[in-house]
Amino acid sequence: MAHASPAATGPRTASAHWAGPVLLGLVYGIWAAGIRRDAGPITTGNVLFGVVTGAIVAAVFFALRRVAHRLPRELRALSWTAFAGVSFGFLYSLTGATVLRSVGMSLVVAAGVFVATFYRYYTTE
């Protein structure tokens, strides 16, 4: 007779909830600080910029993961679309590109994310 395995509890699941946002925030903060530094010296302001941007992205990602599953599939896809578009657009704007180019590129990325997430949520419900 087959038995269901018990649900995982304890520190393993708690770390799984924090690992993704922390890793994303770390990578995003280092990437943003690296773009802003532009091959110059590493300064305190640059490090602080990376820490703040990484913390903001990690916090928004964590909050979105906690809330998104309660939304209908259209709003869930739109929330991930907005997150991806804004975060990519901010990084792209740090490169010195014009505002119009930054908005255009972030809309392209956001459209791709919307198509992928909406398809995933539509086919799995």
PDB file of N, CA and C in Angstrom:
ATOM      1  N   MET A   1       0.837  -1.170   0.000  1.00  0.00           N
ATOM      2  CA  MET A   1       0.000   0.000   0.000  1.00  0.00           C
ATOM      3  C   MET A   1       0.892   1.246   0.000  1.00  0.00           C
ATOM      4  N   ALA A   2       0.597   2.198  -0.860  1.00  0.00           N
ATOM      5  CA  ALA A   2       1.413   3.405  -0.981  1.00  0.00           C
ATOM      6  C   ALA A   2       0.979   4.429   0.059  1.00  0.00           C
ATOM      7  N   HIS A   3       1.948   5.086   0.612  1.00  0.00           N
ATOM      8  CA  HIS A   3       1.686   6.133   1.601  1.00  0.00           C
ATOM      9  C   HIS A   3       2.253   7.445   1.094  1.00  0.00           C
ATOM     10  N   ALA A   4       1.563   8.498   1.430  1.00  0.00           N
ATOM     11  CA  ALA A   4       2.057   9.825   1.072  1.00  0.00           C
ATOM     12  C   ALA A   4       3.183  10.202   2.024  1.00  0.00           C
ATOM     13  N   SER A   5       4.180  10.846   1.480  1.00  0.00           N
ATOM     14  CA  SER A   5       5.281  11.273   2.338  1.00  0.00           C
ATOM     15  C   SER A   5       4.843  12.499   3.129  1.00  0.00           C
ATOM     16  N   PRO A   6       5.364  12.671   4.323  1.00  0.00           N
ATOM     17  CA  PRO A   6       4.981  13.834   5.124  1.00  0.00           C
ATOM     18  C   PRO A   6       5.492  15.124   4.491  1.00  0.00           C
ATOM     19  N   ALA A   7       4.772  16.180   4.744  1.00  0.00           N
ATOM     20  CA  ALA A   7       5.170  17.480   4.216  1.00  0.00           C
ATOM     21  C   ALA A   7       6.461  17.928   4.881  1.00  0.00           C
ATOM     22  N   ALA A   8       7.323  18.526   4.097  1.00  0.00           N
ATOM     23  CA  ALA A   8       8.597  19.007   4.637  1.00  0.00           C
ATOM     24  C   ALA A   8       8.341  20.228   5.512  1.00  0.00           C
ATOM     25  N   THR A   9       8.894  20.211   6.682  1.00  0.00           N
ATOM     26  CA  THR A   9       8.770  21.345   7.595  1.00  0.00           C
ATOM     27  C   THR A   9      10.130  21.643   8.174  1.00  0.00           C
ATOM     28  N   GLY A  10      10.231  22.768   8.826  1.00  0.00           N
ATOM     29  CA  GLY A  10      11.468  23.083   9.505  1.00  0.00           C
ATOM     30  C   GLY A  10      12.320  24.074   8.738  1.00  0.00           C
ATOM     31  N   PRO A  11      13.597  24.118   9.071  1.00  0.00           N
ATOM     32  CA  PRO A  11      14.459  25.144   8.501  1.00  0.00           C
ATOM     33  C   PRO A  11      14.693  24.991   6.999  1.00  0.00           C
ATOM     34  N   ARG A  12      14.519  23.785   6.481  1.00  0.00           N
ATOM     35  CA  ARG A  12      14.733  23.591   5.051  1.00  0.00           C
ATOM     36  C   ARG A  12      13.719  24.372   4.223  1.00  0.00           C
ATOM     37  N   THR A  13      12.467  24.340   4.599  1.00  0.00           N
ATOM     38  CA  THR A  13      11.466  25.088   3.852  1.00  0.00           C
ATOM     39  C   THR A  13      11.570  26.581   4.120  1.00  0.00           C
ATOM     40  N   ALA A  14      11.962  26.958   5.316  1.00  0.00           N
ATOM     41  CA  ALA A  14      12.117  28.384   5.614  1.00  0.00           C
ATOM     42  C   ALA A  14      13.248  28.973   4.782  1.00  0.00           C
ATOM     43  N   SER A  15      14.330  28.239   4.627  1.00  0.00           N
ATOM     44  CA  SER A  15      15.436  28.764   3.828  1.00  0.00           C
ATOM     45  C   SER A  15      15.076  28.800   2.347  1.00  0.00           C
ATOM     46  N   ALA A  16      14.213  27.904   1.910  1.00  0.00           N
ATOM     47  CA  ALA A  16      13.805  27.910   0.509  1.00  0.00           C
ATOM     48  C   ALA A  16      12.991  29.161   0.182  1.00  0.00           C
ATOM     49  N   HIS A  17      12.254  29.697   1.139  1.00  0.00           N
ATOM     50  CA  HIS A  17      11.479  30.910   0.892  1.00  0.00           C
ATOM     51  C   HIS A  17      12.370  32.132   0.790  1.00  0.00           C
ATOM     52  N   TRP A  18      13.500  32.120   1.463  1.00  0.00           N
ATOM     53  CA  TRP A  18      14.396  33.265   1.472  1.00  0.00           C
ATOM     54  C   TRP A  18      15.527  33.148   0.458  1.00  0.00           C
ATOM     55  N   ALA A  19      15.857  31.943   0.023  1.00  0.00           N
ATOM     56  CA  ALA A  19      17.027  31.754  -0.836  1.00  0.00           C
ATOM     57  C   ALA A  19      16.867  32.456  -2.186  1.00  0.00           C
ATOM     58  N   GLY A  20      15.715  32.328  -2.803  1.00  0.00           N
ATOM     59  CA  GLY A  20      15.498  32.958  -4.104  1.00  0.00           C
ATOM     60  C   GLY A  20      15.584  34.474  -4.063  1.00  0.00           C
ATOM     61  N   PRO A  21      14.831  35.128  -3.171  1.00  0.00           N
ATOM     62  CA  PRO A  21      14.917  36.585  -3.107  1.00  0.00           C
ATOM     63  C   PRO A  21      16.302  37.102  -2.718  1.00  0.00           C
ATOM     64  N   VAL A  22      16.960  36.412  -1.793  1.00  0.00           N
ATOM     65  CA  VAL A  22      18.293  36.868  -1.382  1.00  0.00           C
ATOM     66  C   VAL A  22      19.282  36.731  -2.526  1.00  0.00           C
ATOM     67  N   LEU A  23      19.227  35.604  -3.222  1.00  0.00           N
ATOM     68  CA  LEU A  23      20.136  35.401  -4.351  1.00  0.00           C
ATOM     69  C   LEU A  23      19.854  36.406  -5.466  1.00  0.00           C
ATOM     70  N   LEU A  24      18.588  36.622  -5.781  1.00  0.00           N
ATOM     71  CA  LEU A  24      18.242  37.600  -6.807  1.00  0.00           C
ATOM     72  C   LEU A  24      18.691  39.002  -6.394  1.00  0.00           C
ATOM     73  N   GLY A  25      18.444  39.380  -5.150  1.00  0.00           N
ATOM     74  CA  GLY A  25      18.856  40.695  -4.672  1.00  0.00           C
ATOM     75  C   GLY A  25      20.365  40.876  -4.706  1.00  0.00           C
ATOM     76  N   LEU A  26      21.098  39.831  -4.365  1.00  0.00           N
ATOM     77  CA  LEU A  26      22.560  39.894  -4.388  1.00  0.00           C
ATOM     78  C   LEU A  26      23.071  40.085  -5.815  1.00  0.00           C
ATOM     79  N   VAL A  27      22.573  39.281  -6.727  1.00  0.00           N
ATOM     80  CA  VAL A  27      23.009  39.391  -8.128  1.00  0.00           C
ATOM     81  C   VAL A  27      22.594  40.734  -8.714  1.00  0.00           C
ATOM     82  N   TYR A  28      21.380  41.166  -8.447  1.00  0.00           N
ATOM     83  CA  TYR A  28      20.893  42.438  -8.983  1.00  0.00           C
ATOM     84  C   TYR A  28      21.692  43.611  -8.426  1.00  0.00           C
ATOM     85  N   GLY A  29      21.968  43.587  -7.123  1.00  0.00           N
ATOM     86  CA  GLY A  29      22.739  44.674  -6.517  1.00  0.00           C
ATOM     87  C   GLY A  29      24.157  44.750  -7.053  1.00  0.00           C
ATOM     88  N   ILE A  30      24.802  43.603  -7.221  1.00  0.00           N
ATOM     89  CA  ILE A  30      26.160  43.598  -7.772  1.00  0.00           C
ATOM     90  C   ILE A  30      26.140  44.073  -9.214  1.00  0.00           C
ATOM     91  N   TRP A  31      25.153  43.633  -9.964  1.00  0.00           N
ATOM     92  CA  TRP A  31      25.043  44.038 -11.362  1.00  0.00           C
ATOM     93  C   TRP A  31      24.803  45.544 -11.479  1.00  0.00           C
ATOM     94  N   ALA A  32      23.891  46.072 -10.670  1.00  0.00           N
ATOM     95  CA  ALA A  32      23.599  47.510 -10.715  1.00  0.00           C
ATOM     96  C   ALA A  32      24.809  48.332 -10.299  1.00  0.00           C
ATOM     97  N   ALA A  33      25.512  47.890  -9.254  1.00  0.00           N
ATOM     98  CA  ALA A  33      26.697  48.618  -8.814  1.00  0.00           C
ATOM     99  C   ALA A  33      27.797  48.550  -9.860  1.00  0.00           C
ATOM    100  N   GLY A  34      27.915  47.409 -10.525  1.00  0.00           N
ATOM    101  CA  GLY A  34      28.925  47.274 -11.571  1.00  0.00           C
ATOM    102  C   GLY A  34      28.644  48.160 -12.766  1.00  0.00           C
ATOM    103  N   ILE A  35      27.379  48.278 -13.147  1.00  0.00           N
ATOM    104  CA  ILE A  35      27.032  49.159 -14.264  1.00  0.00           C
ATOM    105  C   ILE A  35      27.279  50.609 -13.880  1.00  0.00           C
ATOM    106  N   ARG A  36      26.910  50.968 -12.675  1.00  0.00           N
ATOM    107  CA  ARG A  36      27.073  52.359 -12.238  1.00  0.00           C
ATOM    108  C   ARG A  36      28.539  52.724 -12.060  1.00  0.00           C
ATOM    109  N   ARG A  37      29.352  51.769 -11.649  1.00  0.00           N
ATOM    110  CA  ARG A  37      30.783  52.023 -11.431  1.00  0.00           C
ATOM    111  C   ARG A  37      31.471  52.347 -12.738  1.00  0.00           C
ATOM    112  N   ASP A  38      31.107  51.665 -13.817  1.00  0.00           N
ATOM    113  CA  ASP A  38      31.622  51.917 -15.158  1.00  0.00           C
ATOM    114  C   ASP A  38      33.156  51.894 -15.195  1.00  0.00           C
ATOM    115  N   ALA A  39      33.742  50.832 -14.660  1.00  0.00           N
ATOM    116  CA  ALA A  39      35.191  50.586 -14.671  1.00  0.00           C
ATOM    117  C   ALA A  39      35.983  51.586 -13.847  1.00  0.00           C
ATOM    118  N   GLY A  40      35.311  52.352 -13.021  1.00  0.00           N
ATOM    119  CA  GLY A  40      36.009  53.265 -12.128  1.00  0.00           C
ATOM    120  C   GLY A  40      36.319  52.582 -10.810  1.00  0.00           C
ATOM    121  N   PRO A  41      36.812  53.327  -9.858  1.00  0.00           N
ATOM    122  CA  PRO A  41      37.129  52.726  -8.558  1.00  0.00           C
ATOM    123  C   PRO A  41      35.859  52.374  -7.774  1.00  0.00           C
ATOM    124  N   ILE A  42      35.981  51.378  -6.930  1.00  0.00           N
ATOM    125  CA  ILE A  42      34.863  51.001  -6.061  1.00  0.00           C
ATOM    126  C   ILE A  42      34.817  51.992  -4.909  1.00  0.00           C
ATOM    127  N   THR A  43      33.676  52.653  -4.759  1.00  0.00           N
ATOM    128  CA  THR A  43      33.517  53.653  -3.716  1.00  0.00           C
ATOM    129  C   THR A  43      32.444  53.217  -2.737  1.00  0.00           C
ATOM    130  N   THR A  44      32.389  53.902  -1.608  1.00  0.00           N
ATOM    131  CA  THR A  44      31.370  53.607  -0.610  1.00  0.00           C
ATOM    132  C   THR A  44      29.970  53.873  -1.169  1.00  0.00           C
ATOM    133  N   GLY A  45      29.824  54.941  -1.924  1.00  0.00           N
ATOM    134  CA  GLY A  45      28.532  55.253  -2.522  1.00  0.00           C
ATOM    135  C   GLY A  45      28.084  54.193  -3.509  1.00  0.00           C
ATOM    136  N   ASN A  46      29.030  53.641  -4.243  1.00  0.00           N
ATOM    137  CA  ASN A  46      28.717  52.598  -5.204  1.00  0.00           C
ATOM    138  C   ASN A  46      28.269  51.323  -4.501  1.00  0.00           C
ATOM    139  N   VAL A  47      28.967  50.967  -3.435  1.00  0.00           N
ATOM    140  CA  VAL A  47      28.585  49.776  -2.660  1.00  0.00           C
ATOM    141  C   VAL A  47      27.215  49.987  -2.019  1.00  0.00           C
ATOM    142  N   LEU A  48      26.985  51.160  -1.463  1.00  0.00           N
ATOM    143  CA  LEU A  48      25.690  51.457  -0.847  1.00  0.00           C
ATOM    144  C   LEU A  48      24.570  51.418  -1.887  1.00  0.00           C
ATOM    145  N   PHE A  49      24.842  51.924  -3.081  1.00  0.00           N
ATOM    146  CA  PHE A  49      23.864  51.863  -4.164  1.00  0.00           C
ATOM    147  C   PHE A  49      23.508  50.415  -4.489  1.00  0.00           C
ATOM    148  N   GLY A  50      24.508  49.557  -4.585  1.00  0.00           N
ATOM    149  CA  GLY A  50      24.266  48.147  -4.867  1.00  0.00           C
ATOM    150  C   GLY A  50      23.485  47.458  -3.769  1.00  0.00           C
ATOM    151  N   VAL A  51      23.809  47.766  -2.521  1.00  0.00           N
ATOM    152  CA  VAL A  51      23.105  47.144  -1.394  1.00  0.00           C
ATOM    153  C   VAL A  51      21.641  47.591  -1.360  1.00  0.00           C
ATOM    154  N   VAL A  52      21.395  48.871  -1.559  1.00  0.00           N
ATOM    155  CA  VAL A  52      20.022  49.388  -1.508  1.00  0.00           C
ATOM    156  C   VAL A  52      19.191  48.839  -2.670  1.00  0.00           C
ATOM    157  N   THR A  53      19.727  48.859  -3.877  1.00  0.00           N
ATOM    158  CA  THR A  53      18.954  48.346  -5.008  1.00  0.00           C
ATOM    159  C   THR A  53      18.712  46.846  -4.875  1.00  0.00           C
ATOM    160  N   GLY A  54      19.707  46.115  -4.405  1.00  0.00           N
ATOM    161  CA  GLY A  54      19.525  44.679  -4.193  1.00  0.00           C
ATOM    162  C   GLY A  54      18.485  44.393  -3.132  1.00  0.00           C
ATOM    163  N   ALA A  55      18.496  45.166  -2.049  1.00  0.00           N
ATOM    164  CA  ALA A  55      17.523  44.962  -0.977  1.00  0.00           C
ATOM    165  C   ALA A  55      16.103  45.279  -1.453  1.00  0.00           C
ATOM    166  N   ILE A  56      15.957  46.318  -2.250  1.00  0.00           N
ATOM    167  CA  ILE A  56      14.628  46.671  -2.756  1.00  0.00           C
ATOM    168  C   ILE A  56      14.102  45.585  -3.689  1.00  0.00           C
ATOM    169  N   VAL A  57      14.942  45.111  -4.597  1.00  0.00           N
ATOM    170  CA  VAL A  57      14.508  44.072  -5.529  1.00  0.00           C
ATOM    171  C   VAL A  57      14.175  42.788  -4.777  1.00  0.00           C
ATOM    172  N   ALA A  58      14.998  42.425  -3.786  1.00  0.00           N
ATOM    173  CA  ALA A  58      14.731  41.215  -3.002  1.00  0.00           C
ATOM    174  C   ALA A  58      13.422  41.338  -2.231  1.00  0.00           C
ATOM    175  N   ALA A  59      13.158  42.509  -1.642  1.00  0.00           N
ATOM    176  CA  ALA A  59      11.932  42.702  -0.876  1.00  0.00           C
ATOM    177  C   ALA A  59      10.691  42.642  -1.778  1.00  0.00           C
ATOM    178  N   VAL A  60      10.770  43.274  -2.949  1.00  0.00           N
ATOM    179  CA  VAL A  60       9.625  43.246  -3.865  1.00  0.00           C
ATOM    180  C   VAL A  60       9.409  41.827  -4.391  1.00  0.00           C
ATOM    181  N   PHE A  61      10.485  41.129  -4.720  1.00  0.00           N
ATOM    182  CA  PHE A  61      10.372  39.758  -5.206  1.00  0.00           C
ATOM    183  C   PHE A  61       9.768  38.848  -4.135  1.00  0.00           C
ATOM    184  N   PHE A  62      10.219  39.005  -2.897  1.00  0.00           N
ATOM    185  CA  PHE A  62       9.682  38.199  -1.801  1.00  0.00           C
ATOM    186  C   PHE A  62       8.199  38.484  -1.598  1.00  0.00           C
ATOM    187  N   ALA A  63       7.823  39.763  -1.595  1.00  0.00           N
ATOM    188  CA  ALA A  63       6.410  40.127  -1.409  1.00  0.00           C
ATOM    189  C   ALA A  63       5.554  39.623  -2.566  1.00  0.00           C
ATOM    190  N   LEU A  64       6.079  39.709  -3.763  1.00  0.00           N
ATOM    191  CA  LEU A  64       5.323  39.244  -4.924  1.00  0.00           C
ATOM    192  C   LEU A  64       5.124  37.736  -4.893  1.00  0.00           C
ATOM    193  N   ARG A  65       6.132  37.013  -4.464  1.00  0.00           N
ATOM    194  CA  ARG A  65       5.987  35.551  -4.349  1.00  0.00           C
ATOM    195  C   ARG A  65       4.967  35.176  -3.280  1.00  0.00           C
ATOM    196  N   ARG A  66       4.872  35.977  -2.223  1.00  0.00           N
ATOM    197  CA  ARG A  66       3.922  35.676  -1.154  1.00  0.00           C
ATOM    198  C   ARG A  66       2.485  35.987  -1.556  1.00  0.00           C
ATOM    199  N   VAL A  67       2.281  36.984  -2.407  1.00  0.00           N
ATOM    200  CA  VAL A  67       0.942  37.459  -2.728  1.00  0.00           C
ATOM    201  C   VAL A  67       0.430  36.933  -4.072  1.00  0.00           C
ATOM    202  N   ALA A  68       1.307  36.669  -5.008  1.00  0.00           N
ATOM    203  CA  ALA A  68       0.902  36.393  -6.386  1.00  0.00           C
ATOM    204  C   ALA A  68       0.004  35.177  -6.529  1.00  0.00           C
ATOM    205  N   HIS A  69       0.192  34.166  -5.718  1.00  0.00           N
ATOM    206  CA  HIS A  69      -0.618  32.952  -5.884  1.00  0.00           C
ATOM    207  C   HIS A  69      -2.095  33.176  -5.560  1.00  0.00           C
ATOM    208  N   ARG A  70      -2.415  34.255  -4.859  1.00  0.00           N
ATOM    209  CA  ARG A  70      -3.810  34.547  -4.526  1.00  0.00           C
ATOM    210  C   ARG A  70      -4.528  35.322  -5.630  1.00  0.00           C
ATOM    211  N   LEU A  71      -3.786  35.833  -6.586  1.00  0.00           N
ATOM    212  CA  LEU A  71      -4.368  36.648  -7.650  1.00  0.00           C
ATOM    213  C   LEU A  71      -4.898  35.765  -8.774  1.00  0.00           C
ATOM    214  N   PRO A  72      -5.872  36.272  -9.526  1.00  0.00           N
ATOM    215  CA  PRO A  72      -6.280  35.545 -10.733  1.00  0.00           C
ATOM    216  C   PRO A  72      -5.123  35.517 -11.737  1.00  0.00           C
ATOM    217  N   ARG A  73      -5.178  34.590 -12.670  1.00  0.00           N
ATOM    218  CA  ARG A  73      -4.020  34.365 -13.541  1.00  0.00           C
ATOM    219  C   ARG A  73      -3.632  35.602 -14.350  1.00  0.00           C
ATOM    220  N   GLU A  74      -4.591  36.421 -14.748  1.00  0.00           N
ATOM    221  CA  GLU A  74      -4.265  37.608 -15.527  1.00  0.00           C
ATOM    222  C   GLU A  74      -3.488  38.618 -14.688  1.00  0.00           C
ATOM    223  N   LEU A  75      -3.975  38.864 -13.471  1.00  0.00           N
ATOM    224  CA  LEU A  75      -3.280  39.807 -12.596  1.00  0.00           C
ATOM    225  C   LEU A  75      -1.940  39.255 -12.124  1.00  0.00           C
ATOM    226  N   ARG A  76      -1.867  37.958 -11.931  1.00  0.00           N
ATOM    227  CA  ARG A  76      -0.598  37.335 -11.540  1.00  0.00           C
ATOM    228  C   ARG A  76       0.436  37.524 -12.651  1.00  0.00           C
ATOM    229  N   ALA A  77       0.022  37.276 -13.880  1.00  0.00           N
ATOM    230  CA  ALA A  77       0.937  37.472 -15.003  1.00  0.00           C
ATOM    231  C   ALA A  77       1.326  38.947 -15.137  1.00  0.00           C
ATOM    232  N   LEU A  78       0.370  39.850 -14.941  1.00  0.00           N
ATOM    233  CA  LEU A  78       0.685  41.277 -15.024  1.00  0.00           C
ATOM    234  C   LEU A  78       1.609  41.739 -13.900  1.00  0.00           C
ATOM    235  N   SER A  79       1.466  41.168 -12.713  1.00  0.00           N
ATOM    236  CA  SER A  79       2.347  41.573 -11.617  1.00  0.00           C
ATOM    237  C   SER A  79       3.784  41.139 -11.886  1.00  0.00           C
ATOM    238  N   TRP A  80       3.981  39.930 -12.398  1.00  0.00           N
ATOM    239  CA  TRP A  80       5.334  39.490 -12.744  1.00  0.00           C
ATOM    240  C   TRP A  80       5.863  40.280 -13.936  1.00  0.00           C
ATOM    241  N   THR A  81       4.969  40.653 -14.845  1.00  0.00           N
ATOM    242  CA  THR A  81       5.370  41.470 -15.991  1.00  0.00           C
ATOM    243  C   THR A  81       5.871  42.831 -15.536  1.00  0.00           C
ATOM    244  N   ALA A  82       5.140  43.456 -14.641  1.00  0.00           N
ATOM    245  CA  ALA A  82       5.552  44.767 -14.135  1.00  0.00           C
ATOM    246  C   ALA A  82       6.875  44.671 -13.384  1.00  0.00           C
ATOM    247  N   PHE A  83       7.036  43.644 -12.572  1.00  0.00           N
ATOM    248  CA  PHE A  83       8.285  43.469 -11.839  1.00  0.00           C
ATOM    249  C   PHE A  83       9.466  43.303 -12.798  1.00  0.00           C
ATOM    250  N   ALA A  84       9.310  42.448 -13.791  1.00  0.00           N
ATOM    251  CA  ALA A  84      10.401  42.211 -14.734  1.00  0.00           C
ATOM    252  C   ALA A  84      10.692  43.454 -15.571  1.00  0.00           C
ATOM    253  N   GLY A  85       9.642  44.127 -16.035  1.00  0.00           N
ATOM    254  CA  GLY A  85       9.835  45.315 -16.858  1.00  0.00           C
ATOM    255  C   GLY A  85      10.511  46.451 -16.115  1.00  0.00           C
ATOM    256  N   VAL A  86      10.073  46.707 -14.895  1.00  0.00           N
ATOM    257  CA  VAL A  86      10.660  47.793 -14.108  1.00  0.00           C
ATOM    258  C   VAL A  86      12.099  47.474 -13.716  1.00  0.00           C
ATOM    259  N   SER A  87      12.339  46.248 -13.274  1.00  0.00           N
ATOM    260  CA  SER A  87      13.702  45.913 -12.852  1.00  0.00           C
ATOM    261  C   SER A  87      14.665  45.917 -14.033  1.00  0.00           C
ATOM    262  N   PHE A  88      14.237  45.403 -15.193  1.00  0.00           N
ATOM    263  CA  PHE A  88      15.108  45.451 -16.364  1.00  0.00           C
ATOM    264  C   PHE A  88      15.286  46.884 -16.853  1.00  0.00           C
ATOM    265  N   GLY A  89      14.215  47.650 -16.883  1.00  0.00           N
ATOM    266  CA  GLY A  89      14.305  49.035 -17.347  1.00  0.00           C
ATOM    267  C   GLY A  89      15.233  49.872 -16.479  1.00  0.00           C
ATOM    268  N   PHE A  90      15.219  49.645 -15.175  1.00  0.00           N
ATOM    269  CA  PHE A  90      16.121  50.384 -14.296  1.00  0.00           C
ATOM    270  C   PHE A  90      17.573  50.032 -14.596  1.00  0.00           C
ATOM    271  N   LEU A  91      17.864  48.745 -14.731  1.00  0.00           N
ATOM    272  CA  LEU A  91      19.237  48.350 -15.055  1.00  0.00           C
ATOM    273  C   LEU A  91      19.662  48.910 -16.412  1.00  0.00           C
ATOM    274  N   TYR A  92      18.769  48.864 -17.369  1.00  0.00           N
ATOM    275  CA  TYR A  92      19.105  49.359 -18.702  1.00  0.00           C
ATOM    276  C   TYR A  92      19.319  50.867 -18.689  1.00  0.00           C
ATOM    277  N   SER A  93      18.575  51.577 -17.863  1.00  0.00           N
ATOM    278  CA  SER A  93      18.749  53.031 -17.800  1.00  0.00           C
ATOM    279  C   SER A  93      20.084  53.418 -17.165  1.00  0.00           C
ATOM    280  N   LEU A  94      20.653  52.540 -16.362  1.00  0.00           N
ATOM    281  CA  LEU A  94      21.956  52.828 -15.756  1.00  0.00           C
ATOM    282  C   LEU A  94      23.079  52.831 -16.779  1.00  0.00           C
ATOM    283  N   THR A  95      22.858  52.217 -17.933  1.00  0.00           N
ATOM    284  CA  THR A  95      23.899  52.149 -18.955  1.00  0.00           C
ATOM    285  C   THR A  95      24.093  53.468 -19.686  1.00  0.00           C
ATOM    286  N   GLY A  96      23.228  54.423 -19.471  1.00  0.00           N
ATOM    287  CA  GLY A  96      23.336  55.709 -20.138  1.00  0.00           C
ATOM    288  C   GLY A  96      22.484  55.803 -21.383  1.00  0.00           C
ATOM    289  N   ALA A  97      21.643  54.839 -21.608  1.00  0.00           N
ATOM    290  CA  ALA A  97      20.750  54.867 -22.768  1.00  0.00           C
ATOM    291  C   ALA A  97      19.693  55.953 -22.566  1.00  0.00           C
ATOM    292  N   THR A  98      19.087  56.367 -23.650  1.00  0.00           N
ATOM    293  CA  THR A  98      18.051  57.383 -23.558  1.00  0.00           C
ATOM    294  C   THR A  98      16.819  56.796 -22.865  1.00  0.00           C
ATOM    295  N   VAL A  99      15.962  57.679 -22.402  1.00  0.00           N
ATOM    296  CA  VAL A  99      14.750  57.244 -21.724  1.00  0.00           C
ATOM    297  C   VAL A  99      13.860  56.458 -22.681  1.00  0.00           C
ATOM    298  N   LEU A 100      13.755  56.924 -23.906  1.00  0.00           N
ATOM    299  CA  LEU A 100      12.918  56.244 -24.886  1.00  0.00           C
ATOM    300  C   LEU A 100      13.424  54.826 -25.167  1.00  0.00           C
ATOM    301  N   ARG A 101      14.729  54.680 -25.299  1.00  0.00           N
ATOM    302  CA  ARG A 101      15.293  53.344 -25.536  1.00  0.00           C
ATOM    303  C   ARG A 101      15.109  52.449 -24.313  1.00  0.00           C
ATOM    304  N   SER A 102      15.289  52.993 -23.113  1.00  0.00           N
ATOM    305  CA  SER A 102      15.094  52.205 -21.892  1.00  0.00           C
ATOM    306  C   SER A 102      13.655  51.717 -21.769  1.00  0.00           C
ATOM    307  N   VAL A 103      12.718  52.596 -22.054  1.00  0.00           N
ATOM    308  CA  VAL A 103      11.300  52.221 -21.984  1.00  0.00           C
ATOM    309  C   VAL A 103      10.973  51.188 -23.050  1.00  0.00           C
ATOM    310  N   GLY A 104      11.487  51.390 -24.251  1.00  0.00           N
ATOM    311  CA  GLY A 104      11.226  50.444 -25.327  1.00  0.00           C
ATOM    312  C   GLY A 104      11.774  49.059 -25.031  1.00  0.00           C
ATOM    313  N   MET A 105      13.003  48.992 -24.537  1.00  0.00           N
ATOM    314  CA  MET A 105      13.602  47.702 -24.225  1.00  0.00           C
ATOM    315  C   MET A 105      12.876  47.019 -23.068  1.00  0.00           C
ATOM    316  N   SER A 106      12.484  47.798 -22.057  1.00  0.00           N
ATOM    317  CA  SER A 106      11.772  47.189 -20.931  1.00  0.00           C
ATOM    318  C   SER A 106      10.386  46.713 -21.352  1.00  0.00           C
ATOM    319  N   LEU A 107       9.748  47.392 -22.301  1.00  0.00           N
ATOM    320  CA  LEU A 107       8.458  46.918 -22.805  1.00  0.00           C
ATOM    321  C   LEU A 107       8.612  45.612 -23.583  1.00  0.00           C
ATOM    322  N   VAL A 108       9.703  45.467 -24.307  1.00  0.00           N
ATOM    323  CA  VAL A 108       9.956  44.216 -25.028  1.00  0.00           C
ATOM    324  C   VAL A 108      10.144  43.069 -24.039  1.00  0.00           C
ATOM    325  N   VAL A 109      10.940  43.308 -23.006  1.00  0.00           N
ATOM    326  CA  VAL A 109      11.162  42.274 -21.987  1.00  0.00           C
ATOM    327  C   VAL A 109       9.852  41.971 -21.262  1.00  0.00           C
ATOM    328  N   ALA A 110       9.102  43.004 -20.903  1.00  0.00           N
ATOM    329  CA  ALA A 110       7.835  42.807 -20.202  1.00  0.00           C
ATOM    330  C   ALA A 110       6.840  42.033 -21.051  1.00  0.00           C
ATOM    331  N   ALA A 111       6.799  42.297 -22.345  1.00  0.00           N
ATOM    332  CA  ALA A 111       5.886  41.559 -23.229  1.00  0.00           C
ATOM    333  C   ALA A 111       6.248  40.080 -23.260  1.00  0.00           C
ATOM    334  N   GLY A 112       7.528  39.784 -23.327  1.00  0.00           N
ATOM    335  CA  GLY A 112       7.963  38.389 -23.305  1.00  0.00           C
ATOM    336  C   GLY A 112       7.619  37.696 -22.004  1.00  0.00           C
ATOM    337  N   VAL A 113       7.811  38.400 -20.902  1.00  0.00           N
ATOM    338  CA  VAL A 113       7.474  37.828 -19.597  1.00  0.00           C
ATOM    339  C   VAL A 113       5.968  37.618 -19.484  1.00  0.00           C
ATOM    340  N   PHE A 114       5.175  38.555 -19.986  1.00  0.00           N
ATOM    341  CA  PHE A 114       3.725  38.393 -19.919  1.00  0.00           C
ATOM    342  C   PHE A 114       3.264  37.175 -20.708  1.00  0.00           C
ATOM    343  N   VAL A 115       3.779  37.015 -21.911  1.00  0.00           N
ATOM    344  CA  VAL A 115       3.386  35.871 -22.734  1.00  0.00           C
ATOM    345  C   VAL A 115       3.754  34.565 -22.029  1.00  0.00           C
ATOM    346  N   ALA A 116       4.965  34.492 -21.505  1.00  0.00           N
ATOM    347  CA  ALA A 116       5.417  33.253 -20.856  1.00  0.00           C
ATOM    348  C   ALA A 116       4.637  32.958 -19.578  1.00  0.00           C
ATOM    349  N   THR A 117       4.445  33.967 -18.727  1.00  0.00           N
ATOM    350  CA  THR A 117       3.750  33.711 -17.461  1.00  0.00           C
ATOM    351  C   THR A 117       2.262  33.452 -17.677  1.00  0.00           C
ATOM    352  N   PHE A 118       1.640  34.207 -18.577  1.00  0.00           N
ATOM    353  CA  PHE A 118       0.225  33.964 -18.819  1.00  0.00           C
ATOM    354  C   PHE A 118       0.004  32.578 -19.402  1.00  0.00           C
ATOM    355  N   TYR A 119       0.859  32.169 -20.318  1.00  0.00           N
ATOM    356  CA  TYR A 119       0.738  30.819 -20.882  1.00  0.00           C
ATOM    357  C   TYR A 119       0.902  29.760 -19.799  1.00  0.00           C
ATOM    358  N   ARG A 120       1.864  29.955 -18.923  1.00  0.00           N
ATOM    359  CA  ARG A 120       2.098  28.988 -17.849  1.00  0.00           C
ATOM    360  C   ARG A 120       0.897  28.911 -16.906  1.00  0.00           C
ATOM    361  N   TYR A 121       0.405  30.061 -16.478  1.00  0.00           N
ATOM    362  CA  TYR A 121      -0.719  30.068 -15.542  1.00  0.00           C
ATOM    363  C   TYR A 121      -2.001  29.574 -16.214  1.00  0.00           C
ATOM    364  N   TYR A 122      -2.191  29.872 -17.479  1.00  0.00           N
ATOM    365  CA  TYR A 122      -3.395  29.456 -18.190  1.00  0.00           C
ATOM    366  C   TYR A 122      -3.408  27.934 -18.401  1.00  0.00           C
ATOM    367  N   THR A 123      -2.264  27.352 -18.672  1.00  0.00           N
ATOM    368  CA  THR A 123      -2.215  25.912 -18.948  1.00  0.00           C
ATOM    369  C   THR A 123      -2.133  25.074 -17.689  1.00  0.00           C
ATOM    370  N   THR A 124      -1.750  25.648 -16.558  1.00  0.00           N
ATOM    371  CA  THR A 124      -1.626  24.842 -15.342  1.00  0.00           C
ATOM    372  C   THR A 124      -2.843  24.949 -14.435  1.00  0.00           C
ATOM    373  N   GLU A 125      -3.786  25.817 -14.726  1.00  0.00           N
ATOM    374  CA  GLU A 125      -4.974  25.921 -13.870  1.00  0.00           C
ATOM    375  C   GLU A 125      -6.091  25.026 -14.382  1.00  0.00           C
TER     376      GLU A 125
END
